[in-house]
C-alpha atoms as a PDB file:
ATOM      1  CA  UNK A   1     -10.386 -19.981   3.089  1.00  0.00           C
ATOM      2  CA  UNK A   2     -11.090 -19.815  -0.126  1.00  0.00           C
ATOM      3  CA  UNK A   3     -14.378 -20.229  -2.050  1.00  0.00           C
ATOM      4  CA  UNK A   4     -13.627 -22.019  -5.142  1.00  0.00           C
ATOM      5  CA  UNK A   5     -10.319 -22.137  -4.712  1.00  0.00           C
ATOM      6  CA  UNK A   6      -7.484 -23.794  -7.366  1.00  0.00           C
ATOM      7  CA  UNK A   7      -9.733 -25.414  -8.825  1.00  0.00           C
ATOM      8  CA  UNK A   8     -12.620 -23.396  -9.733  1.00  0.00           C
ATOM      9  CA  UNK A   9     -12.285 -23.495 -13.274  1.00  0.00           C
ATOM     10  CA  UNK A  10     -13.314 -27.362 -13.666  1.00  0.00           C
ATOM     11  CA  UNK A  11     -16.685 -26.062 -12.402  1.00  0.00           C
ATOM     12  CA  UNK A  12     -18.607 -27.033 -16.304  1.00  0.00           C
ATOM     13  CA  UNK A  13     -21.920 -24.787 -14.190  1.00  0.00           C
ATOM     14  CA  UNK A  14     -20.227 -21.864 -13.570  1.00  0.00           C
ATOM     15  CA  UNK A  15     -21.016 -18.907 -15.930  1.00  0.00           C
ATOM     16  CA  UNK A  16     -18.332 -18.280 -17.798  1.00  0.00           C
ATOM     17  CA  UNK A  17     -19.079 -14.155 -18.139  1.00  0.00           C
ATOM     18  CA  UNK A  18     -19.203 -13.386 -14.645  1.00  0.00           C
ATOM     19  CA  UNK A  19     -16.257 -12.750 -12.275  1.00  0.00           C
ATOM     20  CA  UNK A  20     -15.524 -15.405  -9.538  1.00  0.00           C
ATOM     21  CA  UNK A  21     -14.928 -14.984  -6.292  1.00  0.00           C
ATOM     22  CA  UNK A  22     -11.763 -16.914  -5.298  1.00  0.00           C
ATOM     23  CA  UNK A  23     -11.412 -15.562  -1.379  1.00  0.00           C
ATOM     24  CA  UNK A  24     -14.221 -13.991   0.806  1.00  0.00           C
ATOM     25  CA  UNK A  25     -11.504 -12.405   2.832  1.00  0.00           C
ATOM     26  CA  UNK A  26      -7.807 -12.509   2.122  1.00  0.00           C
ATOM     27  CA  UNK A  27      -6.699 -10.633   4.904  1.00  0.00           C
ATOM     28  CA  UNK A  28      -8.397 -13.590   7.362  1.00  0.00           C
ATOM     29  CA  UNK A  29      -9.755 -10.687   9.577  1.00  0.00           C
ATOM     30  CA  UNK A  30      -6.784  -8.636   9.605  1.00  0.00           C
ATOM     31  CA  UNK A  31      -8.290  -5.552   8.093  1.00  0.00           C
ATOM     32  CA  UNK A  32     -11.555  -3.735   8.878  1.00  0.00           C
ATOM     33  CA  UNK A  33     -12.921  -4.903   5.961  1.00  0.00           C
ATOM     34  CA  UNK A  34     -13.131  -7.868   3.931  1.00  0.00           C
ATOM     35  CA  UNK A  35     -10.892  -8.175   1.313  1.00  0.00           C
ATOM     36  CA  UNK A  36     -12.370 -10.526  -1.363  1.00  0.00           C
ATOM     37  CA  UNK A  37     -10.245 -11.809  -4.511  1.00  0.00           C
ATOM     38  CA  UNK A  38     -12.316 -11.721  -7.483  1.00  0.00           C
ATOM     39  CA  UNK A  39     -10.945 -13.756 -10.443  1.00  0.00           C
ATOM     40  CA  UNK A  40     -12.335 -14.135 -14.365  1.00  0.00           C
ATOM     41  CA  UNK A  41     -13.645 -16.780 -16.380  1.00  0.00           C
ATOM     42  CA  UNK A  42     -12.869 -14.823 -19.695  1.00  0.00           C
ATOM     43  CA  UNK A  43      -9.046 -15.630 -19.847  1.00  0.00           C
ATOM     44  CA  UNK A  44      -6.282 -17.515 -17.274  1.00  0.00           C
ATOM     45  CA  UNK A  45      -5.029 -15.524 -13.843  1.00  0.00           C
ATOM     46  CA  UNK A  46      -2.396 -17.862 -11.830  1.00  0.00           C
ATOM     47  CA  UNK A  47      -4.010 -17.617  -8.458  1.00  0.00           C
ATOM     48  CA  UNK A  48      -0.843 -19.639  -6.914  1.00  0.00           C
ATOM     49  CA  UNK A  49       0.276 -16.943  -5.510  1.00  0.00           C
ATOM     50  CA  UNK A  50      -2.196 -16.777  -3.125  1.00  0.00           C
ATOM     51  CA  UNK A  51      -1.274 -20.301  -1.916  1.00  0.00           C
ATOM     52  CA  UNK A  52       2.130 -19.060  -1.286  1.00  0.00           C
ATOM     53  CA  UNK A  53       0.901 -15.315   0.290  1.00  0.00           C
ATOM     54  CA  UNK A  54       1.023 -14.536   4.186  1.00  0.00           C
ATOM     55  CA  UNK A  55      -1.315 -11.448   4.779  1.00  0.00           C
ATOM     56  CA  UNK A  56      -0.031  -9.308   7.256  1.00  0.00           C
ATOM     57  CA  UNK A  57      -1.258  -5.436   8.202  1.00  0.00           C
ATOM     58  CA  UNK A  58       1.876  -4.818  10.079  1.00  0.00           C
ATOM     59  CA  UNK A  59       5.826  -5.028   9.063  1.00  0.00           C
ATOM     60  CA  UNK A  60       7.801  -8.023   9.770  1.00  0.00           C
ATOM     61  CA  UNK A  61      11.022  -7.066  11.161  1.00  0.00           C
ATOM     62  CA  UNK A  62      13.244  -9.400   9.757  1.00  0.00           C
ATOM     63  CA  UNK A  63      16.425  -7.465  10.404  1.00  0.00           C
ATOM     64  CA  UNK A  64      16.046  -7.147  14.205  1.00  0.00           C
ATOM     65  CA  UNK A  65      15.973  -3.139  13.391  1.00  0.00           C
ATOM     66  CA  UNK A  66      12.822  -2.134  15.310  1.00  0.00           C
ATOM     67  CA  UNK A  67      13.439  -4.233  18.185  1.00  0.00           C
ATOM     68  CA  UNK A  68      16.641  -2.974  19.029  1.00  0.00           C
ATOM     69  CA  UNK A  69      15.056   0.478  19.222  1.00  0.00           C
ATOM     70  CA  UNK A  70      16.445   2.566  22.271  1.00  0.00           C
ATOM     71  CA  UNK A  71      12.701   3.377  22.954  1.00  0.00           C
ATOM     72  CA  UNK A  72      13.731   7.177  23.821  1.00  0.00           C
ATOM     73  CA  UNK A  73      10.497   9.089  22.766  1.00  0.00           C
ATOM     74  CA  UNK A  74      10.602  11.667  20.141  1.00  0.00           C
ATOM     75  CA  UNK A  75       8.559  14.871  19.514  1.00  0.00           C
ATOM     76  CA  UNK A  76       4.854  13.909  22.411  1.00  0.00           C
ATOM     77  CA  UNK A  77       2.121  16.229  22.691  1.00  0.00           C
ATOM     78  CA  UNK A  78      -0.081  17.406  25.523  1.00  0.00           C
ATOM     79  CA  UNK A  79      -2.963  18.244  23.480  1.00  0.00           C
ATOM     80  CA  UNK A  80      -6.615  17.846  25.072  1.00  0.00           C
ATOM     81  CA  UNK A  81      -9.120  16.137  22.462  1.00  0.00           C
ATOM     82  CA  UNK A  82      -7.773  17.085  18.866  1.00  0.00           C
ATOM     83  CA  UNK A  83      -4.822  18.581  18.103  1.00  0.00           C
ATOM     84  CA  UNK A  84      -4.066  22.089  16.090  1.00  0.00           C
ATOM     85  CA  UNK A  85      -1.661  22.249  13.051  1.00  0.00           C
ATOM     86  CA  UNK A  86       1.014  24.484  15.660  1.00  0.00           C
ATOM     87  CA  UNK A  87       0.913  21.166  17.831  1.00  0.00           C
ATOM     88  CA  UNK A  88       4.849  20.068  17.464  1.00  0.00           C
ATOM     89  CA  UNK A  89       3.638  16.277  16.529  1.00  0.00           C
ATOM     90  CA  UNK A  90       2.134  17.852  13.374  1.00  0.00           C
ATOM     91  CA  UNK A  91       3.014  18.039  10.122  1.00  0.00           C
ATOM     92  CA  UNK A  92       0.171  20.323   8.982  1.00  0.00           C
ATOM     93  CA  UNK A  93      -0.787  17.828   6.344  1.00  0.00           C
ATOM     94  CA  UNK A  94      -4.157  16.735   7.820  1.00  0.00           C
ATOM     95  CA  UNK A  95      -7.186  18.498   7.674  1.00  0.00           C
ATOM     96  CA  UNK A  96      -9.971  18.337  10.679  1.00  0.00           C
ATOM     97  CA  UNK A  97     -11.411  15.176   9.359  1.00  0.00           C
ATOM     98  CA  UNK A  98      -7.805  13.087   8.794  1.00  0.00           C
ATOM     99  CA  UNK A  99      -7.757  13.798   5.189  1.00  0.00           C
ATOM    100  CA  UNK A 100      -4.593  15.471   2.935  1.00  0.00           C
ATOM    101  CA  UNK A 101      -5.681  18.846   1.713  1.00  0.00           C
ATOM    102  CA  UNK A 102      -2.549  19.507   0.337  1.00  0.00           C
ATOM    103  CA  UNK A 103      -0.956  17.028  -1.847  1.00  0.00           C
ATOM    104  CA  UNK A 104       2.514  19.255  -2.806  1.00  0.00           C
ATOM    105  CA  UNK A 105       2.423  19.290   0.750  1.00  0.00           C
ATOM    106  CA  UNK A 106       2.125  15.670   1.345  1.00  0.00           C
ATOM    107  CA  UNK A 107       5.054  14.298  -0.779  1.00  0.00           C
ATOM    108  CA  UNK A 108       6.926  17.509   0.376  1.00  0.00           C
ATOM    109  CA  UNK A 109       8.902  15.745   3.750  1.00  0.00           C
ATOM    110  CA  UNK A 110       7.800  12.797   5.805  1.00  0.00           C
ATOM    111  CA  UNK A 111       4.344  13.210   7.383  1.00  0.00           C
ATOM    112  CA  UNK A 112       4.604  13.244  11.154  1.00  0.00           C
ATOM    113  CA  UNK A 113       1.711  11.866  12.886  1.00  0.00           C
ATOM    114  CA  UNK A 114       0.737  11.849  16.945  1.00  0.00           C
ATOM    115  CA  UNK A 115       2.522   8.731  18.552  1.00  0.00           C
ATOM    116  CA  UNK A 116       1.222   6.368  21.645  1.00  0.00           C
ATOM    117  CA  UNK A 117       3.170   8.572  24.318  1.00  0.00           C
ATOM    118  CA  UNK A 118       0.691  11.674  22.870  1.00  0.00           C
ATOM    119  CA  UNK A 119      -2.080  12.891  25.323  1.00  0.00           C
ATOM    120  CA  UNK A 120      -4.493  13.454  22.222  1.00  0.00           C
ATOM    121  CA  UNK A 121      -7.789  11.795  21.853  1.00  0.00           C
ATOM    122  CA  UNK A 122      -7.449   8.708  19.906  1.00  0.00           C
ATOM    123  CA  UNK A 123     -10.006  10.444  17.555  1.00  0.00           C
ATOM    124  CA  UNK A 124      -7.375  12.932  16.835  1.00  0.00           C
ATOM    125  CA  UNK A 125      -7.211  14.399  13.044  1.00  0.00           C
ATOM    126  CA  UNK A 126      -3.331  13.370  13.167  1.00  0.00           C
ATOM    127  CA  UNK A 127      -3.874  10.031  13.469  1.00  0.00           C
ATOM    128  CA  UNK A 128      -4.769   9.126  10.891  1.00  0.00           C
ATOM    129  CA  UNK A 129      -2.623   6.160   8.660  1.00  0.00           C
ATOM    130  CA  UNK A 130      -1.385   4.832  12.274  1.00  0.00           C
ATOM    131  CA  UNK A 131      -5.267   3.415  11.999  1.00  0.00           C
ATOM    132  CA  UNK A 132      -5.055   1.584   9.076  1.00  0.00           C
ATOM    133  CA  UNK A 133      -7.250   1.424   5.749  1.00  0.00           C
ATOM    134  CA  UNK A 134     -11.255   2.381   6.566  1.00  0.00           C
ATOM    135  CA  UNK A 135     -12.098   2.094   3.078  1.00  0.00           C
ATOM    136  CA  UNK A 136     -13.351  -1.451   1.595  1.00  0.00           C
ATOM    137  CA  UNK A 137     -11.217  -2.471  -1.313  1.00  0.00           C
ATOM    138  CA  UNK A 138     -10.998  -5.864  -3.336  1.00  0.00           C
ATOM    139  CA  UNK A 139      -8.328  -7.727  -5.304  1.00  0.00           C
ATOM    140  CA  UNK A 140      -9.260  -8.432  -8.856  1.00  0.00           C
ATOM    141  CA  UNK A 141      -7.960  -9.556 -12.242  1.00  0.00           C
ATOM    142  CA  UNK A 142      -7.331  -7.017 -14.615  1.00  0.00           C
ATOM    143  CA  UNK A 143      -6.007  -8.338 -17.115  1.00  0.00           C
ATOM    144  CA  UNK A 144      -3.709 -11.297 -18.648  1.00  0.00           C
ATOM    145  CA  UNK A 145      -0.579  -8.743 -19.067  1.00  0.00           C
ATOM    146  CA  UNK A 146      -0.470  -6.921 -15.745  1.00  0.00           C
ATOM    147  CA  UNK A 147      -2.199  -9.540 -13.767  1.00  0.00           C
ATOM    148  CA  UNK A 148      -4.205  -9.020 -10.395  1.00  0.00           C
ATOM    149  CA  UNK A 149      -4.834  -5.111  -9.330  1.00  0.00           C
ATOM    150  CA  UNK A 150      -6.820  -3.135  -6.698  1.00  0.00           C
ATOM    151  CA  UNK A 151     -10.286  -1.575  -7.115  1.00  0.00           C
ATOM    152  CA  UNK A 152     -12.467   0.146  -4.852  1.00  0.00           C
ATOM    153  CA  UNK A 153     -15.212  -0.889  -3.324  1.00  0.00           C
ATOM    154  CA  UNK A 154     -16.978   2.059  -2.144  1.00  0.00           C
ATOM    155  CA  UNK A 155     -16.606   5.818  -3.289  1.00  0.00           C
ATOM    156  CA  UNK A 156     -12.856   6.972  -1.478  1.00  0.00           C
ATOM    157  CA  UNK A 157     -13.107  10.830  -1.600  1.00  0.00           C
ATOM    158  CA  UNK A 158      -9.695  12.839  -2.307  1.00  0.00           C
ATOM    159  CA  UNK A 159      -6.688  12.919   0.011  1.00  0.00           C
ATOM    160  CA  UNK A 160      -8.158   9.720   1.892  1.00  0.00           C
ATOM    161  CA  UNK A 161      -5.415   7.363   3.281  1.00  0.00           C
ATOM    162  CA  UNK A 162      -6.380   3.817   1.792  1.00  0.00           C
ATOM    163  CA  UNK A 163      -3.251   1.888   2.745  1.00  0.00           C
ATOM    164  CA  UNK A 164       0.456   0.987   4.117  1.00  0.00           C
ATOM    165  CA  UNK A 165       2.779  -1.201   2.512  1.00  0.00           C
ATOM    166  CA  UNK A 166       3.706  -3.849   4.313  1.00  0.00           C
ATOM    167  CA  UNK A 167       6.080  -7.318   4.356  1.00  0.00           C
ATOM    168  CA  UNK A 168       9.493  -8.071   5.353  1.00  0.00           C
ATOM    169  CA  UNK A 169      11.881  -5.266   6.564  1.00  0.00           C
ATOM    170  CA  UNK A 170      15.140  -6.375   5.214  1.00  0.00           C
ATOM    171  CA  UNK A 171      18.350  -5.070   4.581  1.00  0.00           C
ATOM    172  CA  UNK A 172      20.010  -4.151   1.330  1.00  0.00           C
ATOM    173  CA  UNK A 173      21.706  -6.884   0.730  1.00  0.00           C
ATOM    174  CA  UNK A 174      19.357  -9.052   1.517  1.00  0.00           C
ATOM    175  CA  UNK A 175      17.308  -7.227  -1.057  1.00  0.00           C
ATOM    176  CA  UNK A 176      19.878  -7.793  -3.747  1.00  0.00           C
ATOM    177  CA  UNK A 177      20.442 -11.656  -2.968  1.00  0.00           C
ATOM    178  CA  UNK A 178      16.527 -11.888  -4.039  1.00  0.00           C
ATOM    179  CA  UNK A 179      17.280 -10.716  -7.453  1.00  0.00           C
ATOM    180  CA  UNK A 180      13.154 -10.154  -7.928  1.00  0.00           C
ATOM    181  CA  UNK A 181      13.128  -6.099  -7.626  1.00  0.00           C
ATOM    182  CA  UNK A 182       9.062  -6.592  -8.394  1.00  0.00           C
ATOM    183  CA  UNK A 183       7.915  -6.356  -5.080  1.00  0.00           C
ATOM    184  CA  UNK A 184      10.401  -4.277  -3.083  1.00  0.00           C
ATOM    185  CA  UNK A 185      10.036  -0.880  -1.749  1.00  0.00           C
ATOM    186  CA  UNK A 186      12.544   1.082  -0.206  1.00  0.00           C
ATOM    187  CA  UNK A 187      12.584   2.912   3.506  1.00  0.00           C
ATOM    188  CA  UNK A 188      14.373   3.235   6.371  1.00  0.00           C
ATOM    189  CA  UNK A 189      14.687   3.266  10.388  1.00  0.00           C
ATOM    190  CA  UNK A 190      16.719   6.716  11.413  1.00  0.00           C
ATOM    191  CA  UNK A 191      19.761   7.153   9.242  1.00  0.00           C
ATOM    192  CA  UNK A 192      19.660   3.138   8.079  1.00  0.00           C
ATOM    193  CA  UNK A 193      18.193   2.485   4.490  1.00  0.00           C
ATOM    194  CA  UNK A 194      16.122  -0.708   4.236  1.00  0.00           C
ATOM    195  CA  UNK A 195      13.986  -2.318   2.333  1.00  0.00           C
ATOM    196  CA  UNK A 196      10.068  -3.958   2.267  1.00  0.00           C
ATOM    197  CA  UNK A 197       9.153  -7.009   0.011  1.00  0.00           C
ATOM    198  CA  UNK A 198       6.138  -7.730  -0.100  1.00  0.00           C
ATOM    199  CA  UNK A 199       6.260 -10.753  -2.767  1.00  0.00           C
ATOM    200  CA  UNK A 200       5.092 -13.484   0.060  1.00  0.00           C
ATOM    201  CA  UNK A 201       4.368 -11.405   3.123  1.00  0.00           C
ATOM    202  CA  UNK A 202       2.680  -8.196   2.505  1.00  0.00           C
ATOM    203  CA  UNK A 203      -1.730  -7.095   2.012  1.00  0.00           C
ATOM    204  CA  UNK A 204      -3.399  -5.797  -0.533  1.00  0.00           C
ATOM    205  CA  UNK A 205      -1.412  -2.481  -1.781  1.00  0.00           C
ATOM    206  CA  UNK A 206       1.281  -5.470  -3.276  1.00  0.00           C
ATOM    207  CA  UNK A 207      -1.317  -5.848  -5.910  1.00  0.00           C
ATOM    208  CA  UNK A 208      -1.654  -2.021  -6.979  1.00  0.00           C
ATOM    209  CA  UNK A 209      -1.167  -1.554 -10.457  1.00  0.00           C
ATOM    210  CA  UNK A 210       1.672   1.064 -12.411  1.00  0.00           C
ATOM    211  CA  UNK A 211      -0.164   3.363 -14.049  1.00  0.00           C
ATOM    212  CA  UNK A 212       1.559   6.761 -15.683  1.00  0.00           C
ATOM    213  CA  UNK A 213      -1.140   8.835 -14.636  1.00  0.00           C
ATOM    214  CA  UNK A 214      -2.167   7.229 -10.965  1.00  0.00           C
ATOM    215  CA  UNK A 215      -4.412   8.296  -8.990  1.00  0.00           C
ATOM    216  CA  UNK A 216      -2.529   7.490  -5.556  1.00  0.00           C
ATOM    217  CA  UNK A 217       0.314   9.157  -3.849  1.00  0.00           C
ATOM    218  CA  UNK A 218       2.957   7.015  -1.506  1.00  0.00           C
ATOM    219  CA  UNK A 219       4.338   9.125   1.185  1.00  0.00           C
ATOM    220  CA  UNK A 220       6.558   8.931   3.544  1.00  0.00           C
ATOM    221  CA  UNK A 221       4.834   8.974   6.840  1.00  0.00           C
ATOM    222  CA  UNK A 222       6.066   8.391  11.003  1.00  0.00           C
ATOM    223  CA  UNK A 223       3.803   7.794  14.356  1.00  0.00           C
ATOM    224  CA  UNK A 224       6.715   5.202  16.770  1.00  0.00           C
ATOM    225  CA  UNK A 225       6.882   7.065  19.730  1.00  0.00           C
ATOM    226  CA  UNK A 226      10.610   6.398  19.330  1.00  0.00           C
ATOM    227  CA  UNK A 227      13.020   8.980  17.720  1.00  0.00           C
ATOM    228  CA  UNK A 228      14.860   6.409  15.396  1.00  0.00           C
ATOM    229  CA  UNK A 229      11.593   6.397  13.481  1.00  0.00           C
ATOM    230  CA  UNK A 230      10.400   3.627  10.809  1.00  0.00           C
ATOM    231  CA  UNK A 231       9.184   5.527   7.819  1.00  0.00           C
ATOM    232  CA  UNK A 232       5.895   4.022   6.539  1.00  0.00           C
ATOM    233  CA  UNK A 233       4.871   3.912   2.976  1.00  0.00           C
ATOM    234  CA  UNK A 234       1.617   4.892   3.393  1.00  0.00           C
ATOM    235  CA  UNK A 235      -0.935   5.426   0.114  1.00  0.00           C
ATOM    236  CA  UNK A 236      -3.103   8.270  -0.697  1.00  0.00           C
ATOM    237  CA  UNK A 237      -5.666   8.576  -3.091  1.00  0.00           C
ATOM    238  CA  UNK A 238      -4.637  12.236  -5.715  1.00  0.00           C
ATOM    239  CA  UNK A 239      -8.851  12.096  -6.544  1.00  0.00           C
ATOM    240  CA  UNK A 240     -11.909  11.107  -5.605  1.00  0.00           C
ATOM    241  CA  UNK A 241     -11.519   7.271  -6.806  1.00  0.00           C
ATOM    242  CA  UNK A 242     -15.319   5.914  -7.837  1.00  0.00           C
ATOM    243  CA  UNK A 243     -16.930   2.561  -6.633  1.00  0.00           C
ATOM    244  CA  UNK A 244     -15.236  -0.018  -9.117  1.00  0.00           C
ATOM    245  CA  UNK A 245     -12.431   1.924 -10.257  1.00  0.00           C
ATOM    246  CA  UNK A 246      -8.966   0.801  -9.688  1.00  0.00           C
ATOM    247  CA  UNK A 247      -6.357   2.097  -7.495  1.00  0.00           C
ATOM    248  CA  UNK A 248      -2.967   2.851  -9.386  1.00  0.00           C
ATOM    249  CA  UNK A 249       0.514   4.038  -8.133  1.00  0.00           C
ATOM    250  CA  UNK A 250       3.462   5.163 -10.095  1.00  0.00           C
ATOM    251  CA  UNK A 251       6.544   2.943  -9.494  1.00  0.00           C
ATOM    252  CA  UNK A 252       8.882   5.721 -10.498  1.00  0.00           C
ATOM    253  CA  UNK A 253      11.510   5.876 -12.908  1.00  0.00           C
ATOM    254  CA  UNK A 254      13.893   3.482 -11.170  1.00  0.00           C
ATOM    255  CA  UNK A 255      11.500   0.639 -11.319  1.00  0.00           C
ATOM    256  CA  UNK A 256      11.340   0.398 -15.158  1.00  0.00           C
ATOM    257  CA  UNK A 257      14.472   0.857 -15.761  1.00  0.00           C
ATOM    258  CA  UNK A 258      15.882  -2.473 -15.695  1.00  0.00           C
ATOM    259  CA  UNK A 259      12.539  -3.663 -16.948  1.00  0.00           C
ATOM    260  CA  UNK A 260      12.941  -5.633 -20.233  1.00  0.00           C
ATOM    261  CA  UNK A 261       9.092  -5.428 -21.059  1.00  0.00           C
ATOM    262  CA  UNK A 262       6.659  -2.244 -21.962  1.00  0.00           C
ATOM    263  CA  UNK A 263       3.927  -0.627 -19.676  1.00  0.00           C
ATOM    264  CA  UNK A 264       0.526  -1.556 -20.247  1.00  0.00           C
ATOM    265  CA  UNK A 265      -1.429   1.247 -18.290  1.00  0.00           C
ATOM    266  CA  UNK A 266      -3.143   2.274 -21.079  1.00  0.00           C
ATOM    267  CA  UNK A 267      -2.722   6.415 -19.727  1.00  0.00           C
ATOM    268  CA  UNK A 268      -2.366   8.532 -23.051  1.00  0.00           C
ATOM    269  CA  UNK A 269       0.536  10.201 -20.679  1.00  0.00           C
ATOM    270  CA  UNK A 270       2.375   6.450 -20.570  1.00  0.00           C
ATOM    271  CA  UNK A 271       6.112   6.828 -20.611  1.00  0.00           C
ATOM    272  CA  UNK A 272       7.587   3.262 -21.210  1.00  0.00           C
ATOM    273  CA  UNK A 273       5.485   1.936 -23.762  1.00  0.00           C
ATOM    274  CA  UNK A 274       8.766   1.042 -25.862  1.00  0.00           C
ATOM    275  CA  UNK A 275      10.216  -2.540 -24.663  1.00  0.00           C
ATOM    276  CA  UNK A 276      13.816  -2.243 -23.907  1.00  0.00           C
ATOM    277  CA  UNK A 277      13.300   1.535 -24.186  1.00  0.00           C
ATOM    278  CA  UNK A 278      16.252   3.252 -22.245  1.00  0.00           C
ATOM    279  CA  UNK A 279      14.209   5.522 -20.160  1.00  0.00           C
ATOM    280  CA  UNK A 280      15.427   8.936 -18.300  1.00  0.00           C
END
């Protein structure tokens, strides 16, 4: 439930210079930690997005592509306890503590984690993204131009998994029909190209802003037992992120190509400053 709700701005006794908590936990207990939402009384923010937003920590299988799979197991390990980097399930990306040691290797190909049929322990270092996020974050009013953003509630070390992009799984035709490409993320199930739409359903990753100098990278990760794998879009820190620092990703050139507004990330390396510029 909202703490202050849509009518928060009518409170005459509210300190106009202090952030206001609109929601104590927008996830409604879906995460290991509360995900609060803070507005800023010094400028107007559209809070209606939260009235129509359904929080989900999982992919919503609108296409039926996940439910219709063959249930044929893929790689299964027989490791006792902790898997080694030589395990057939491992992509060798994670260190023993479950953090990424080489960001280039993370981005090179699909990261394969152990699956539910593997015999290794649940604390195995090759079970990371599948467990969900461990480090708390909060949604906040960044500014009138970029809107809502996500920032760290604690220090988050380099190479740490910070969340999976969730939402409705739809096919390419449906994605085109929806017209608004703002919250679309391409993925696939096996060889089938699909899209995740987080406009109305998703989690806090949906509110992560673009930066031309991002501190978070997006990687392809799989951990399904079925050989027809869903590629999960997972976010990892590319540097130590301090408490209160905003999390940002690079939306990519394709996202910016048809946008009629300029990038407001503020980075000295900003590539999309000029409005209506043809990028590429």
